[in-house]
Amino acid sequence: FQTVLEFYRKEMEANGWTSAGENFIGEDIATLDYQKDDRQVTVMISVDKDSGQVDVLITIQGP
């Protein structure tokens, strides 16, 4: 979970996305909001504690 979280935090900013400041990071779920030009992206990362599987959902809004 932490490795995936750090990957998206680093790579989004490296690709010109700016944090929108509405981030939430919990024990087993994180929501990261970014903006670039007139687009917004939400990256939701969650982990299943039993299996250790990490899921990533990316939502893009804008043209």
N, C-alpha and C. Protein backbone atom coordinates (compact mmCIF):
# COMPACT_ATOMS: atom_id res chain seq x y z
N PHE A 1 0.83 -1.20 0.00
CA PHE A 1 0.00 0.00 0.00
C PHE A 1 0.87 1.26 0.00
N GLN A 2 1.82 1.31 0.91
CA GLN A 2 2.68 2.50 1.01
C GLN A 2 3.52 2.70 -0.25
N THR A 3 4.00 1.60 -0.83
CA THR A 3 4.80 1.70 -2.05
C THR A 3 3.98 2.26 -3.20
N VAL A 4 2.75 1.79 -3.34
CA VAL A 4 1.85 2.27 -4.40
C VAL A 4 1.50 3.73 -4.15
N LEU A 5 1.20 4.07 -2.92
CA LEU A 5 0.87 5.45 -2.55
C LEU A 5 2.01 6.39 -2.92
N GLU A 6 3.22 6.04 -2.54
CA GLU A 6 4.37 6.89 -2.84
C GLU A 6 4.62 6.99 -4.34
N PHE A 7 4.39 5.89 -5.08
CA PHE A 7 4.55 5.91 -6.53
C PHE A 7 3.64 6.97 -7.15
N TYR A 8 2.35 6.95 -6.80
CA TYR A 8 1.42 7.90 -7.40
C TYR A 8 1.70 9.33 -6.95
N ARG A 9 2.07 9.52 -5.71
CA ARG A 9 2.39 10.87 -5.24
C ARG A 9 3.57 11.44 -6.03
N LYS A 10 4.59 10.64 -6.26
CA LYS A 10 5.78 11.09 -6.97
C LYS A 10 5.49 11.29 -8.46
N GLU A 11 4.86 10.31 -9.09
CA GLU A 11 4.68 10.34 -10.54
C GLU A 11 3.65 11.36 -11.00
N MET A 12 2.62 11.60 -10.23
CA MET A 12 1.63 12.60 -10.63
C MET A 12 2.29 13.98 -10.70
N GLU A 13 3.04 14.33 -9.68
CA GLU A 13 3.71 15.63 -9.67
C GLU A 13 4.80 15.69 -10.73
N ALA A 14 5.50 14.58 -10.97
CA ALA A 14 6.55 14.54 -11.99
C ALA A 14 5.98 14.75 -13.39
N ASN A 15 4.69 14.44 -13.56
CA ASN A 15 4.03 14.60 -14.85
C ASN A 15 3.19 15.86 -14.94
N GLY A 16 3.47 16.83 -14.06
CA GLY A 16 2.85 18.14 -14.16
C GLY A 16 1.54 18.32 -13.44
N TRP A 17 1.10 17.33 -12.66
CA TRP A 17 -0.14 17.45 -11.90
C TRP A 17 0.16 18.11 -10.56
N THR A 18 -0.72 19.00 -10.12
CA THR A 18 -0.57 19.72 -8.86
C THR A 18 -1.59 19.20 -7.86
N SER A 19 -1.15 18.98 -6.64
CA SER A 19 -2.07 18.52 -5.60
C SER A 19 -3.17 19.53 -5.40
N ALA A 20 -4.41 19.05 -5.34
CA ALA A 20 -5.56 19.93 -5.14
C ALA A 20 -5.83 20.17 -3.66
N GLY A 21 -5.05 19.54 -2.79
CA GLY A 21 -5.15 19.79 -1.36
C GLY A 21 -6.25 19.05 -0.64
N GLU A 22 -6.99 18.20 -1.33
CA GLU A 22 -8.09 17.46 -0.71
C GLU A 22 -7.70 16.01 -0.45
N ASN A 23 -6.45 15.75 -0.16
CA ASN A 23 -5.98 14.38 0.01
C ASN A 23 -6.39 13.81 1.36
N PHE A 24 -6.68 12.50 1.36
CA PHE A 24 -6.97 11.77 2.58
C PHE A 24 -6.11 10.52 2.56
N ILE A 25 -5.38 10.28 3.64
CA ILE A 25 -4.57 9.08 3.74
C ILE A 25 -4.88 8.41 5.07
N GLY A 26 -5.47 7.22 4.98
CA GLY A 26 -5.81 6.44 6.15
C GLY A 26 -4.94 5.20 6.24
N GLU A 27 -5.33 4.30 7.13
CA GLU A 27 -4.56 3.09 7.35
C GLU A 27 -4.60 2.15 6.15
N ASP A 28 -5.76 2.04 5.50
CA ASP A 28 -5.90 1.10 4.39
C ASP A 28 -6.57 1.69 3.16
N ILE A 29 -6.70 3.02 3.12
CA ILE A 29 -7.27 3.69 1.96
C ILE A 29 -6.68 5.09 1.85
N ALA A 30 -6.50 5.54 0.61
CA ALA A 30 -6.00 6.90 0.38
C ALA A 30 -6.71 7.47 -0.84
N THR A 31 -6.99 8.76 -0.78
CA THR A 31 -7.57 9.48 -1.90
C THR A 31 -6.69 10.69 -2.18
N LEU A 32 -6.18 10.77 -3.40
CA LEU A 32 -5.30 11.86 -3.81
C LEU A 32 -5.98 12.64 -4.92
N ASP A 33 -6.08 13.94 -4.78
CA ASP A 33 -6.70 14.80 -5.79
C ASP A 33 -5.65 15.69 -6.42
N TYR A 34 -5.67 15.75 -7.75
CA TYR A 34 -4.72 16.56 -8.51
C TYR A 34 -5.45 17.35 -9.58
N GLN A 35 -4.81 18.43 -10.02
CA GLN A 35 -5.35 19.21 -11.13
C GLN A 35 -4.23 19.60 -12.08
N LYS A 36 -4.60 19.74 -13.35
CA LYS A 36 -3.66 20.15 -14.39
C LYS A 36 -4.49 20.82 -15.48
N ASP A 37 -4.19 22.09 -15.72
CA ASP A 37 -4.98 22.87 -16.67
C ASP A 37 -6.44 22.83 -16.24
N ASP A 38 -7.34 22.38 -17.11
CA ASP A 38 -8.76 22.32 -16.74
C ASP A 38 -9.22 20.89 -16.47
N ARG A 39 -8.28 20.04 -16.08
CA ARG A 39 -8.61 18.65 -15.76
C ARG A 39 -8.35 18.38 -14.28
N GLN A 40 -9.14 17.45 -13.74
CA GLN A 40 -8.97 17.02 -12.36
C GLN A 40 -8.88 15.50 -12.34
N VAL A 41 -8.03 14.99 -11.47
CA VAL A 41 -7.85 13.55 -11.32
C VAL A 41 -7.96 13.18 -9.85
N THR A 42 -8.68 12.11 -9.59
CA THR A 42 -8.72 11.52 -8.25
C THR A 42 -8.13 10.12 -8.34
N VAL A 43 -7.15 9.84 -7.49
CA VAL A 43 -6.54 8.52 -7.41
C VAL A 43 -6.94 7.94 -6.06
N MET A 44 -7.69 6.83 -6.09
CA MET A 44 -8.09 6.16 -4.85
C MET A 44 -7.33 4.84 -4.76
N ILE A 45 -6.63 4.66 -3.65
CA ILE A 45 -5.81 3.47 -3.43
C ILE A 45 -6.33 2.79 -2.18
N SER A 46 -6.59 1.49 -2.28
CA SER A 46 -7.07 0.75 -1.11
C SER A 46 -6.36 -0.59 -1.05
N VAL A 47 -6.31 -1.15 0.14
CA VAL A 47 -5.66 -2.45 0.33
C VAL A 47 -6.60 -3.37 1.10
N ASP A 48 -6.66 -4.62 0.67
CA ASP A 48 -7.39 -5.66 1.39
C ASP A 48 -6.43 -6.24 2.42
N LYS A 49 -6.72 -6.04 3.69
CA LYS A 49 -5.80 -6.45 4.74
C LYS A 49 -5.60 -7.96 4.78
N ASP A 50 -6.62 -8.73 4.41
CA ASP A 50 -6.50 -10.18 4.45
C ASP A 50 -5.58 -10.72 3.35
N SER A 51 -5.77 -10.24 2.13
CA SER A 51 -4.99 -10.75 1.00
C SER A 51 -3.76 -9.91 0.70
N GLY A 52 -3.76 -8.65 1.13
CA GLY A 52 -2.66 -7.75 0.82
C GLY A 52 -2.76 -7.13 -0.57
N GLN A 53 -3.85 -7.44 -1.28
CA GLN A 53 -4.05 -6.91 -2.63
C GLN A 53 -4.33 -5.41 -2.57
N VAL A 54 -3.64 -4.68 -3.43
CA VAL A 54 -3.83 -3.23 -3.52
C VAL A 54 -4.60 -2.92 -4.79
N ASP A 55 -5.66 -2.12 -4.67
CA ASP A 55 -6.46 -1.70 -5.82
C ASP A 55 -6.28 -0.20 -6.02
N VAL A 56 -6.27 0.21 -7.29
CA VAL A 56 -6.14 1.62 -7.65
C VAL A 56 -7.27 1.97 -8.60
N LEU A 57 -8.00 3.04 -8.28
CA LEU A 57 -9.07 3.55 -9.13
C LEU A 57 -8.72 4.99 -9.48
N ILE A 58 -8.66 5.29 -10.78
CA ILE A 58 -8.31 6.63 -11.24
C ILE A 58 -9.51 7.21 -11.97
N THR A 59 -9.95 8.39 -11.54
CA THR A 59 -11.07 9.08 -12.16
C THR A 59 -10.57 10.41 -12.72
N ILE A 60 -10.85 10.65 -14.00
CA ILE A 60 -10.41 11.88 -14.67
C ILE A 60 -11.64 12.68 -15.07
N GLN A 61 -11.62 13.98 -14.75
CA GLN A 61 -12.70 14.88 -15.14
C GLN A 61 -12.12 16.01 -15.97
N GLY A 62 -12.83 16.38 -17.00
CA GLY A 62 -12.40 17.47 -17.86
C GLY A 62 -12.31 17.02 -19.30
N PRO A 63 -11.99 17.95 -20.17
CA PRO A 63 -11.94 17.63 -21.60
C PRO A 63 -10.80 16.70 -21.97
